[in-house]
Protein backbone atom coordinates (compact mmCIF):
# COMPACT_ATOMS: atom_id res chain seq x y z
CA MET A 1 25.03 -64.85 -21.02
CA ASN A 2 28.44 -66.15 -21.26
CA LEU A 3 29.58 -67.07 -17.74
CA LEU A 4 33.17 -66.93 -18.54
CA ASP A 5 33.25 -63.45 -19.76
CA LYS A 6 34.58 -60.80 -17.17
CA ALA A 7 31.72 -59.16 -15.08
CA THR A 8 31.70 -55.58 -16.14
CA ASP A 9 31.21 -54.07 -12.75
CA TRP A 10 33.18 -56.50 -10.71
CA THR A 11 36.90 -56.28 -11.25
CA ASN A 12 38.58 -59.61 -12.33
CA GLN A 13 35.57 -61.83 -11.86
CA THR A 14 33.77 -63.93 -14.41
CA ASN A 15 30.05 -64.03 -14.57
CA GLU A 16 30.40 -67.72 -13.37
CA GLU A 17 31.92 -66.33 -10.03
CA ARG A 18 29.39 -63.54 -9.76
CA ALA A 19 26.36 -65.89 -10.27
CA GLU A 20 27.85 -68.26 -7.63
CA MET A 21 28.30 -65.54 -5.14
CA CYS A 22 24.71 -64.35 -5.79
CA ALA A 23 23.35 -67.87 -4.90
CA ILE A 24 25.49 -67.79 -1.72
CA PHE A 25 24.04 -64.23 -0.90
CA LEU A 26 20.42 -65.37 -1.44
CA HIS A 27 21.03 -68.41 0.98
CA THR A 28 22.75 -66.25 3.52
CA PHE A 29 19.66 -64.14 3.69
CA ASN A 30 17.37 -67.32 3.58
CA LEU A 31 16.07 -66.43 0.41
CA MET A 32 16.82 -69.96 -0.92
CA THR A 33 17.41 -73.19 0.93
CA ALA A 34 20.76 -75.03 1.15
CA GLY A 35 19.50 -77.51 -1.35
CA GLU A 36 18.49 -74.94 -3.85
CA GLN A 37 21.64 -73.10 -3.42
CA TYR A 38 23.54 -76.39 -4.00
CA ARG A 39 21.57 -77.20 -7.29
CA THR A 40 21.98 -73.51 -8.54
CA ARG A 41 25.78 -73.39 -8.01
CA HIS A 42 25.82 -76.92 -9.64
CA ARG A 43 23.95 -75.79 -12.68
CA ILE A 44 26.26 -72.83 -12.93
CA ARG A 45 29.31 -74.99 -13.05
CA VAL A 46 27.91 -77.36 -15.42
CA CYS A 47 26.95 -74.59 -17.89
CA ALA A 48 30.45 -72.88 -17.48
CA ASP A 49 32.15 -76.09 -17.88
CA SER A 50 30.36 -76.54 -21.13
CA GLN A 51 31.33 -73.25 -22.33
CA ARG A 52 34.96 -73.93 -21.34
CA GLU A 53 35.03 -77.09 -23.37
CA CYS A 54 33.56 -75.27 -26.47
CA ARG A 55 36.30 -72.65 -26.12
CA ALA A 56 39.00 -75.41 -25.78
CA ARG A 57 37.74 -76.98 -29.02
CA VAL A 58 37.82 -73.67 -30.92
CA LYS A 59 41.11 -72.31 -30.01
CA PRO A 60 44.16 -73.84 -31.68
């Protein structure tokens, strides 16, 4: 899944933003701990940053 693509069912948001909101939602309802939420959001950002770097190298 490309985290930088627009999310199809959420207007003007990327998959990265959607994934982060899902992690926040799960933490809000005590379905993941604060530490798990932090690690999950960090991994999402790392993946998206990597994808941004790849896009920057490809575009002229």
